[in-house]
mmCIF file of all heavy atoms, coordinates in Angstrom:
data_MODEL
# 
_entry.id   MODEL 
# 
loop_
_atom_site.group_PDB 
_atom_site.id 
_atom_site.type_symbol 
_atom_site.label_atom_id 
_atom_site.label_alt_id 
_atom_site.label_comp_id 
_atom_site.label_asym_id 
_atom_site.label_entity_id 
_atom_site.label_seq_id 
_atom_site.pdbx_PDB_ins_code 
_atom_site.Cartn_x 
_atom_site.Cartn_y 
_atom_site.Cartn_z 
_atom_site.occupancy 
_atom_site.B_iso_or_equiv 
_atom_site.pdbx_formal_charge 
_atom_site.auth_seq_id 
_atom_site.auth_comp_id 
_atom_site.auth_asym_id 
_atom_site.auth_atom_id 
_atom_site.pdbx_PDB_model_num 
ATOM 1   N N   . HIS A 1 1  ? 86.589 103.856 95.236  1.00 0.00 ? 1  HIS A N   1 
ATOM 2   C CA  . HIS A 1 1  ? 87.619 104.862 94.959  1.00 0.00 ? 1  HIS A CA  1 
ATOM 3   C C   . HIS A 1 1  ? 88.847 104.689 95.845  1.00 0.00 ? 1  HIS A C   1 
ATOM 4   O O   . HIS A 1 1  ? 89.874 105.326 95.605  1.00 0.00 ? 1  HIS A O   1 
ATOM 5   C CB  . HIS A 1 1  ? 87.000 106.252 95.184  1.00 0.00 ? 1  HIS A CB  1 
ATOM 6   C CG  . HIS A 1 1  ? 87.778 107.388 94.600  1.00 0.00 ? 1  HIS A CG  1 
ATOM 7   N ND1 . HIS A 1 1  ? 88.033 107.514 93.249  1.00 0.00 ? 1  HIS A ND1 1 
ATOM 8   C CD2 . HIS A 1 1  ? 88.371 108.461 95.190  1.00 0.00 ? 1  HIS A CD2 1 
ATOM 9   C CE1 . HIS A 1 1  ? 88.716 108.619 93.039  1.00 0.00 ? 1  HIS A CE1 1 
ATOM 10  N NE2 . HIS A 1 1  ? 88.954 109.211 94.197  1.00 0.00 ? 1  HIS A NE2 1 
ATOM 11  N N   . GLN A 1 2  ? 88.743 103.834 96.840  1.00 0.00 ? 2  GLN A N   1 
ATOM 12  C CA  . GLN A 1 2  ? 89.814 103.762 97.832  1.00 0.00 ? 2  GLN A CA  1 
ATOM 13  C C   . GLN A 1 2  ? 91.081 103.094 97.302  1.00 0.00 ? 2  GLN A C   1 
ATOM 14  O O   . GLN A 1 2  ? 92.143 103.213 97.917  1.00 0.00 ? 2  GLN A O   1 
ATOM 15  C CB  . GLN A 1 2  ? 89.306 103.036 99.082  1.00 0.00 ? 2  GLN A CB  1 
ATOM 16  C CG  . GLN A 1 2  ? 88.285 103.852 99.858  1.00 0.00 ? 2  GLN A CG  1 
ATOM 17  C CD  . GLN A 1 2  ? 87.787 103.156 101.105 1.00 0.00 ? 2  GLN A CD  1 
ATOM 18  O OE1 . GLN A 1 2  ? 88.304 102.121 101.508 1.00 0.00 ? 2  GLN A OE1 1 
ATOM 19  N NE2 . GLN A 1 2  ? 86.748 103.717 101.730 1.00 0.00 ? 2  GLN A NE2 1 
ATOM 20  N N   . ALA A 1 3  ? 91.009 102.417 96.184  1.00 0.00 ? 3  ALA A N   1 
ATOM 21  C CA  . ALA A 1 3  ? 92.189 101.737 95.627  1.00 0.00 ? 3  ALA A CA  1 
ATOM 22  C C   . ALA A 1 3  ? 93.129 102.682 94.893  1.00 0.00 ? 3  ALA A C   1 
ATOM 23  O O   . ALA A 1 3  ? 94.241 102.269 94.521  1.00 0.00 ? 3  ALA A O   1 
ATOM 24  C CB  . ALA A 1 3  ? 91.743 100.625 94.669  1.00 0.00 ? 3  ALA A CB  1 
ATOM 25  N N   . TYR A 1 4  ? 92.740 103.955 94.707  1.00 0.00 ? 4  TYR A N   1 
ATOM 26  C CA  . TYR A 1 4  ? 93.467 104.808 93.772  1.00 0.00 ? 4  TYR A CA  1 
ATOM 27  C C   . TYR A 1 4  ? 94.362 105.863 94.437  1.00 0.00 ? 4  TYR A C   1 
ATOM 28  O O   . TYR A 1 4  ? 94.943 106.692 93.740  1.00 0.00 ? 4  TYR A O   1 
ATOM 29  C CB  . TYR A 1 4  ? 92.470 105.481 92.819  1.00 0.00 ? 4  TYR A CB  1 
ATOM 30  C CG  . TYR A 1 4  ? 91.676 104.459 92.022  1.00 0.00 ? 4  TYR A CG  1 
ATOM 31  C CD1 . TYR A 1 4  ? 90.330 104.251 92.274  1.00 0.00 ? 4  TYR A CD1 1 
ATOM 32  C CD2 . TYR A 1 4  ? 92.300 103.682 91.050  1.00 0.00 ? 4  TYR A CD2 1 
ATOM 33  C CE1 . TYR A 1 4  ? 89.602 103.306 91.569  1.00 0.00 ? 4  TYR A CE1 1 
ATOM 34  C CE2 . TYR A 1 4  ? 91.581 102.731 90.335  1.00 0.00 ? 4  TYR A CE2 1 
ATOM 35  C CZ  . TYR A 1 4  ? 90.244 102.549 90.600  1.00 0.00 ? 4  TYR A CZ  1 
ATOM 36  O OH  . TYR A 1 4  ? 89.537 101.592 89.903  1.00 0.00 ? 4  TYR A OH  1 
ATOM 37  N N   . ASP A 1 5  ? 94.491 105.836 95.730  1.00 0.00 ? 5  ASP A N   1 
ATOM 38  C CA  . ASP A 1 5  ? 95.386 106.752 96.440  1.00 0.00 ? 5  ASP A CA  1 
ATOM 39  C C   . ASP A 1 5  ? 95.158 108.207 96.026  1.00 0.00 ? 5  ASP A C   1 
ATOM 40  O O   . ASP A 1 5  ? 96.086 108.936 95.660  1.00 0.00 ? 5  ASP A O   1 
ATOM 41  C CB  . ASP A 1 5  ? 96.853 106.355 96.221  1.00 0.00 ? 5  ASP A CB  1 
ATOM 42  C CG  . ASP A 1 5  ? 97.790 107.067 97.195  1.00 0.00 ? 5  ASP A CG  1 
ATOM 43  O OD1 . ASP A 1 5  ? 97.326 107.436 98.301  1.00 0.00 ? 5  ASP A OD1 1 
ATOM 44  O OD2 . ASP A 1 5  ? 98.971 107.253 96.855  1.00 0.00 ? 5  ASP A OD2 1 
ATOM 45  N N   . ALA A 1 6  ? 93.908 108.634 96.087  1.00 0.00 ? 6  ALA A N   1 
ATOM 46  C CA  . ALA A 1 6  ? 93.566 110.040 95.805  1.00 0.00 ? 6  ALA A CA  1 
ATOM 47  C C   . ALA A 1 6  ? 94.233 110.946 96.834  1.00 0.00 ? 6  ALA A C   1 
ATOM 48  O O   . ALA A 1 6  ? 94.667 110.499 97.903  1.00 0.00 ? 6  ALA A O   1 
ATOM 49  C CB  . ALA A 1 6  ? 92.048 110.201 95.844  1.00 0.00 ? 6  ALA A CB  1 
ATOM 50  N N   . PRO A 1 7  ? 94.354 112.241 96.531  1.00 0.00 ? 7  PRO A N   1 
ATOM 51  C CA  . PRO A 1 7  ? 95.113 113.135 97.421  1.00 0.00 ? 7  PRO A CA  1 
ATOM 52  C C   . PRO A 1 7  ? 94.699 113.094 98.888  1.00 0.00 ? 7  PRO A C   1 
ATOM 53  O O   . PRO A 1 7  ? 95.551 113.204 99.773  1.00 0.00 ? 7  PRO A O   1 
ATOM 54  C CB  . PRO A 1 7  ? 94.869 114.517 96.802  1.00 0.00 ? 7  PRO A CB  1 
ATOM 55  C CG  . PRO A 1 7  ? 94.714 114.234 95.350  1.00 0.00 ? 7  PRO A CG  1 
ATOM 56  C CD  . PRO A 1 7  ? 93.979 112.931 95.282  1.00 0.00 ? 7  PRO A CD  1 
ATOM 57  N N   . LEU A 1 8  ? 93.422 112.939 99.182  1.00 0.00 ? 8  LEU A N   1 
ATOM 58  C CA  . LEU A 1 8  ? 92.990 112.927 100.579 1.00 0.00 ? 8  LEU A CA  1 
ATOM 59  C C   . LEU A 1 8  ? 92.887 111.514 101.152 1.00 0.00 ? 8  LEU A C   1 
ATOM 60  O O   . LEU A 1 8  ? 92.337 111.326 102.238 1.00 0.00 ? 8  LEU A O   1 
ATOM 61  C CB  . LEU A 1 8  ? 91.639 113.642 100.722 1.00 0.00 ? 8  LEU A CB  1 
ATOM 62  C CG  . LEU A 1 8  ? 91.726 115.162 100.912 1.00 0.00 ? 8  LEU A CG  1 
ATOM 63  C CD1 . LEU A 1 8  ? 90.353 115.805 100.791 1.00 0.00 ? 8  LEU A CD1 1 
ATOM 64  C CD2 . LEU A 1 8  ? 92.358 115.520 102.251 1.00 0.00 ? 8  LEU A CD2 1 
ATOM 65  N N   . SER A 1 9  ? 93.435 110.539 100.459 1.00 0.00 ? 9  SER A N   1 
ATOM 66  C CA  . SER A 1 9  ? 93.420 109.173 100.971 1.00 0.00 ? 9  SER A CA  1 
ATOM 67  C C   . SER A 1 9  ? 94.372 109.030 102.148 1.00 0.00 ? 9  SER A C   1 
ATOM 68  O O   . SER A 1 9  ? 95.514 109.497 102.111 1.00 0.00 ? 9  SER A O   1 
ATOM 69  C CB  . SER A 1 9  ? 93.825 108.185 99.877  1.00 0.00 ? 9  SER A CB  1 
ATOM 70  O OG  . SER A 1 9  ? 92.881 108.154 98.841  1.00 0.00 ? 9  SER A OG  1 
ATOM 71  N N   . ALA A 1 10 ? 93.896 108.386 103.188 1.00 0.00 ? 10 ALA A N   1 
ATOM 72  C CA  . ALA A 1 10 ? 94.715 108.060 104.358 1.00 0.00 ? 10 ALA A CA  1 
ATOM 73  C C   . ALA A 1 10 ? 93.933 107.052 105.186 1.00 0.00 ? 10 ALA A C   1 
ATOM 74  O O   . ALA A 1 10 ? 92.757 106.774 104.914 1.00 0.00 ? 10 ALA A O   1 
ATOM 75  C CB  . ALA A 1 10 ? 95.053 109.302 105.176 1.00 0.00 ? 10 ALA A CB  1 
ATOM 76  N N   . ASP A 1 11 ? 94.569 106.514 106.188 1.00 0.00 ? 11 ASP A N   1 
ATOM 77  C CA  . ASP A 1 11 ? 93.976 105.480 107.018 1.00 0.00 ? 11 ASP A CA  1 
ATOM 78  C C   . ASP A 1 11 ? 93.126 106.121 108.112 1.00 0.00 ? 11 ASP A C   1 
ATOM 79  O O   . ASP A 1 11 ? 93.641 106.525 109.160 1.00 0.00 ? 11 ASP A O   1 
ATOM 80  C CB  . ASP A 1 11 ? 95.078 104.621 107.627 1.00 0.00 ? 11 ASP A CB  1 
ATOM 81  C CG  . ASP A 1 11 ? 94.553 103.358 108.292 1.00 0.00 ? 11 ASP A CG  1 
ATOM 82  O OD1 . ASP A 1 11 ? 93.371 103.343 108.677 1.00 0.00 ? 11 ASP A OD1 1 
ATOM 83  O OD2 . ASP A 1 11 ? 95.334 102.404 108.439 1.00 0.00 ? 11 ASP A OD2 1 
ATOM 84  N N   . VAL A 1 12 ? 91.823 106.240 107.854 1.00 0.00 ? 12 VAL A N   1 
ATOM 85  C CA  . VAL A 1 12 ? 90.940 106.890 108.820 1.00 0.00 ? 12 VAL A CA  1 
ATOM 86  C C   . VAL A 1 12 ? 90.900 106.097 110.124 1.00 0.00 ? 12 VAL A C   1 
ATOM 87  O O   . VAL A 1 12 ? 90.916 106.670 111.216 1.00 0.00 ? 12 VAL A O   1 
ATOM 88  C CB  . VAL A 1 12 ? 89.513 107.040 108.248 1.00 0.00 ? 12 VAL A CB  1 
ATOM 89  C CG1 . VAL A 1 12 ? 88.627 107.812 109.231 1.00 0.00 ? 12 VAL A CG1 1 
ATOM 90  C CG2 . VAL A 1 12 ? 89.540 107.754 106.906 1.00 0.00 ? 12 VAL A CG2 1 
ATOM 91  N N   . GLU A 1 13 ? 90.865 104.784 110.011 1.00 0.00 ? 13 GLU A N   1 
ATOM 92  C CA  . GLU A 1 13 ? 90.791 103.959 111.217 1.00 0.00 ? 13 GLU A CA  1 
ATOM 93  C C   . GLU A 1 13 ? 92.010 104.175 112.102 1.00 0.00 ? 13 GLU A C   1 
ATOM 94  O O   . GLU A 1 13 ? 91.886 104.299 113.327 1.00 0.00 ? 13 GLU A O   1 
ATOM 95  C CB  . GLU A 1 13 ? 90.673 102.488 110.840 1.00 0.00 ? 13 GLU A CB  1 
ATOM 96  C CG  . GLU A 1 13 ? 90.519 101.576 112.045 1.00 0.00 ? 13 GLU A CG  1 
ATOM 97  C CD  . GLU A 1 13 ? 90.329 100.128 111.656 1.00 0.00 ? 13 GLU A CD  1 
ATOM 98  O OE1 . GLU A 1 13 ? 90.453 99.810  110.454 1.00 0.00 ? 13 GLU A OE1 1 
ATOM 99  O OE2 . GLU A 1 13 ? 90.050 99.306  112.547 1.00 0.00 ? 13 GLU A OE2 1 
ATOM 100 N N   . ALA A 1 14 ? 93.195 104.246 111.505 1.00 0.00 ? 14 ALA A N   1 
ATOM 101 C CA  . ALA A 1 14 ? 94.408 104.471 112.290 1.00 0.00 ? 14 ALA A CA  1 
ATOM 102 C C   . ALA A 1 14 ? 94.381 105.847 112.956 1.00 0.00 ? 14 ALA A C   1 
ATOM 103 O O   . ALA A 1 14 ? 94.867 106.005 114.087 1.00 0.00 ? 14 ALA A O   1 
ATOM 104 C CB  . ALA A 1 14 ? 95.640 104.339 111.398 1.00 0.00 ? 14 ALA A CB  1 
ATOM 105 N N   . ALA A 1 15 ? 93.808 106.835 112.272 1.00 0.00 ? 15 ALA A N   1 
ATOM 106 C CA  . ALA A 1 15 ? 93.702 108.169 112.868 1.00 0.00 ? 15 ALA A CA  1 
ATOM 107 C C   . ALA A 1 15 ? 92.724 108.184 114.032 1.00 0.00 ? 15 ALA A C   1 
ATOM 108 O O   . ALA A 1 15 ? 92.897 108.933 115.004 1.00 0.00 ? 15 ALA A O   1 
ATOM 109 C CB  . ALA A 1 15 ? 93.265 109.180 111.808 1.00 0.00 ? 15 ALA A CB  1 
ATOM 110 N N   . ALA A 1 16 ? 91.693 107.353 113.954 1.00 0.00 ? 16 ALA A N   1 
ATOM 111 C CA  . ALA A 1 16 ? 90.637 107.362 114.972 1.00 0.00 ? 16 ALA A CA  1 
ATOM 112 C C   . ALA A 1 16 ? 90.968 106.525 116.194 1.00 0.00 ? 16 ALA A C   1 
ATOM 113 O O   . ALA A 1 16 ? 90.547 106.856 117.309 1.00 0.00 ? 16 ALA A O   1 
ATOM 114 C CB  . ALA A 1 16 ? 89.326 106.865 114.352 1.00 0.00 ? 16 ALA A CB  1 
ATOM 115 N N   . LEU A 1 17 ? 91.700 105.446 116.032 1.00 0.00 ? 17 LEU A N   1 
ATOM 116 C CA  . LEU A 1 17 ? 91.862 104.467 117.108 1.00 0.00 ? 17 LEU A CA  1 
ATOM 117 C C   . LEU A 1 17 ? 92.414 105.042 118.419 1.00 0.00 ? 17 LEU A C   1 
ATOM 118 O O   . LEU A 1 17 ? 91.897 104.711 119.496 1.00 0.00 ? 17 LEU A O   1 
ATOM 119 C CB  . LEU A 1 17 ? 92.746 103.311 116.625 1.00 0.00 ? 17 LEU A CB  1 
ATOM 120 C CG  . LEU A 1 17 ? 92.037 102.235 115.802 1.00 0.00 ? 17 LEU A CG  1 
ATOM 121 C CD1 . LEU A 1 17 ? 93.057 101.289 115.169 1.00 0.00 ? 17 LEU A CD1 1 
ATOM 122 C CD2 . LEU A 1 17 ? 91.061 101.452 116.677 1.00 0.00 ? 17 LEU A CD2 1 
ATOM 123 N N   . PRO A 1 18 ? 93.456 105.895 118.405 1.00 0.00 ? 18 PRO A N   1 
ATOM 124 C CA  . PRO A 1 18 ? 93.979 106.365 119.697 1.00 0.00 ? 18 PRO A CA  1 
ATOM 125 C C   . PRO A 1 18 ? 92.986 107.213 120.488 1.00 0.00 ? 18 PRO A C   1 
ATOM 126 O O   . PRO A 1 18 ? 93.143 107.365 121.708 1.00 0.00 ? 18 PRO A O   1 
ATOM 127 C CB  . PRO A 1 18 ? 95.207 107.194 119.302 1.00 0.00 ? 18 PRO A CB  1 
ATOM 128 C CG  . PRO A 1 18 ? 95.551 106.756 117.925 1.00 0.00 ? 18 PRO A CG  1 
ATOM 129 C CD  . PRO A 1 18 ? 94.252 106.399 117.284 1.00 0.00 ? 18 PRO A CD  1 
ATOM 130 N N   . PHE A 1 19 ? 91.983 107.759 119.821 1.00 0.00 ? 19 PHE A N   1 
ATOM 131 C CA  . PHE A 1 19 ? 91.071 108.705 120.469 1.00 0.00 ? 19 PHE A CA  1 
ATOM 132 C C   . PHE A 1 19 ? 89.630 108.189 120.506 1.00 0.00 ? 19 PHE A C   1 
ATOM 133 O O   . PHE A 1 19 ? 88.698 108.964 120.705 1.00 0.00 ? 19 PHE A O   1 
ATOM 134 C CB  . PHE A 1 19 ? 91.139 110.056 119.741 1.00 0.00 ? 19 PHE A CB  1 
ATOM 135 C CG  . PHE A 1 19 ? 92.549 110.546 119.588 1.00 0.00 ? 19 PHE A CG  1 
ATOM 136 C CD1 . PHE A 1 19 ? 93.207 110.436 118.377 1.00 0.00 ? 19 PHE A CD1 1 
ATOM 137 C CD2 . PHE A 1 19 ? 93.237 111.061 120.670 1.00 0.00 ? 19 PHE A CD2 1 
ATOM 138 C CE1 . PHE A 1 19 ? 94.519 110.860 118.236 1.00 0.00 ? 19 PHE A CE1 1 
ATOM 139 C CE2 . PHE A 1 19 ? 94.547 111.485 120.552 1.00 0.00 ? 19 PHE A CE2 1 
ATOM 140 C CZ  . PHE A 1 19 ? 95.197 111.388 119.329 1.00 0.00 ? 19 PHE A CZ  1 
ATOM 141 N N   . SER A 1 20 ? 89.463 106.898 120.316 1.00 0.00 ? 20 SER A N   1 
ATOM 142 C CA  . SER A 1 20 ? 88.127 106.298 120.276 1.00 0.00 ? 20 SER A CA  1 
ATOM 143 C C   . SER A 1 20 ? 88.121 105.018 121.099 1.00 0.00 ? 20 SER A C   1 
ATOM 144 O O   . SER A 1 20 ? 89.130 104.306 121.181 1.00 0.00 ? 20 SER A O   1 
ATOM 145 C CB  . SER A 1 20 ? 87.709 105.980 118.837 1.00 0.00 ? 20 SER A CB  1 
ATOM 146 O OG  . SER A 1 20 ? 87.784 107.105 117.990 1.00 0.00 ? 20 SER A OG  1 
ATOM 147 N N   . ASP A 1 21 ? 86.969 104.721 121.685 1.00 0.00 ? 21 ASP A N   1 
ATOM 148 C CA  . ASP A 1 21 ? 86.766 103.450 122.363 1.00 0.00 ? 21 ASP A CA  1 
ATOM 149 C C   . ASP A 1 21 ? 86.124 102.412 121.442 1.00 0.00 ? 21 ASP A C   1 
ATOM 150 O O   . ASP A 1 21 ? 86.179 101.216 121.715 1.00 0.00 ? 21 ASP A O   1 
ATOM 151 C CB  . ASP A 1 21 ? 85.855 103.649 123.579 1.00 0.00 ? 21 ASP A CB  1 
ATOM 152 C CG  . ASP A 1 21 ? 86.431 104.639 124.573 1.00 0.00 ? 21 ASP A CG  1 
ATOM 153 O OD1 . ASP A 1 21 ? 87.423 104.296 125.233 1.00 0.00 ? 21 ASP A OD1 1 
ATOM 154 O OD2 . ASP A 1 21 ? 85.897 105.771 124.680 1.00 0.00 ? 21 ASP A OD2 1 
ATOM 155 N N   . PHE A 1 22 ? 85.497 102.892 120.367 1.00 0.00 ? 22 PHE A N   1 
ATOM 156 C CA  . PHE A 1 22 ? 84.798 102.027 119.404 1.00 0.00 ? 22 PHE A CA  1 
ATOM 157 C C   . PHE A 1 22 ? 85.064 102.614 118.024 1.00 0.00 ? 22 PHE A C   1 
ATOM 158 O O   . PHE A 1 22 ? 84.866 103.822 117.812 1.00 0.00 ? 22 PHE A O   1 
ATOM 159 C CB  . PHE A 1 22 ? 83.300 102.024 119.718 1.00 0.00 ? 22 PHE A CB  1 
ATOM 160 C CG  . PHE A 1 22 ? 82.420 101.367 118.684 1.00 0.00 ? 22 PHE A CG  1 
ATOM 161 C CD1 . PHE A 1 22 ? 81.917 100.094 118.887 1.00 0.00 ? 22 PHE A CD1 1 
ATOM 162 C CD2 . PHE A 1 22 ? 82.072 102.027 117.500 1.00 0.00 ? 22 PHE A CD2 1 
ATOM 163 C CE1 . PHE A 1 22 ? 81.088 99.487  117.944 1.00 0.00 ? 22 PHE A CE1 1 
ATOM 164 C CE2 . PHE A 1 22 ? 81.253 101.435 116.551 1.00 0.00 ? 22 PHE A CE2 1 
ATOM 165 C CZ  . PHE A 1 22 ? 80.761 100.153 116.785 1.00 0.00 ? 22 PHE A CZ  1 
ATOM 166 N N   . VAL A 1 23 ? 85.533 101.792 117.089 1.00 0.00 ? 23 VAL A N   1 
ATOM 167 C CA  . VAL A 1 23 ? 85.751 102.229 115.702 1.00 0.00 ? 23 VAL A CA  1 
ATOM 168 C C   . VAL A 1 23 ? 85.197 101.168 114.769 1.00 0.00 ? 23 VAL A C   1 
ATOM 169 O O   . VAL A 1 23 ? 85.472 99.973  114.948 1.00 0.00 ? 23 VAL A O   1 
ATOM 170 C CB  . VAL A 1 23 ? 87.248 102.459 115.399 1.00 0.00 ? 23 VAL A CB  1 
ATOM 171 C CG1 . VAL A 1 23 ? 87.427 102.880 113.931 1.00 0.00 ? 23 VAL A CG1 1 
ATOM 172 C CG2 . VAL A 1 23 ? 87.845 103.510 116.317 1.00 0.00 ? 23 VAL A CG2 1 
ATOM 173 N N   . ARG A 1 24 ? 84.420 101.594 113.796 1.00 0.00 ? 24 ARG A N   1 
ATOM 174 C CA  . ARG A 1 24 ? 83.902 100.668 112.785 1.00 0.00 ? 24 ARG A CA  1 
ATOM 175 C C   . ARG A 1 24 ? 83.782 101.395 111.454 1.00 0.00 ? 24 ARG A C   1 
ATOM 176 O O   . ARG A 1 24 ? 83.387 102.572 111.416 1.00 0.00 ? 24 ARG A O   1 
ATOM 177 C CB  . ARG A 1 24 ? 82.547 100.111 113.194 1.00 0.00 ? 24 ARG A CB  1 
ATOM 178 C CG  . ARG A 1 24 ? 81.929 99.156  112.161 1.00 0.00 ? 24 ARG A CG  1 
ATOM 179 C CD  . ARG A 1 24 ? 80.619 98.555  112.642 1.00 0.00 ? 24 ARG A CD  1 
ATOM 180 N NE  . ARG A 1 24 ? 80.843 97.695  113.814 1.00 0.00 ? 24 ARG A NE  1 
ATOM 181 C CZ  . ARG A 1 24 ? 79.865 97.099  114.487 1.00 0.00 ? 24 ARG A CZ  1 
ATOM 182 N NH1 . ARG A 1 24 ? 78.600 97.277  114.110 1.00 0.00 ? 24 ARG A NH1 1 
ATOM 183 N NH2 . ARG A 1 24 ? 80.138 96.337  115.518 1.00 0.00 ? 24 ARG A NH2 1 
# 
């Protein structure tokens, strides 16, 4: 579903990186 730019689509990894030591 990630290819379709649904209303709640956003870059989760980018949101997490500044506040995480490990992201996967």
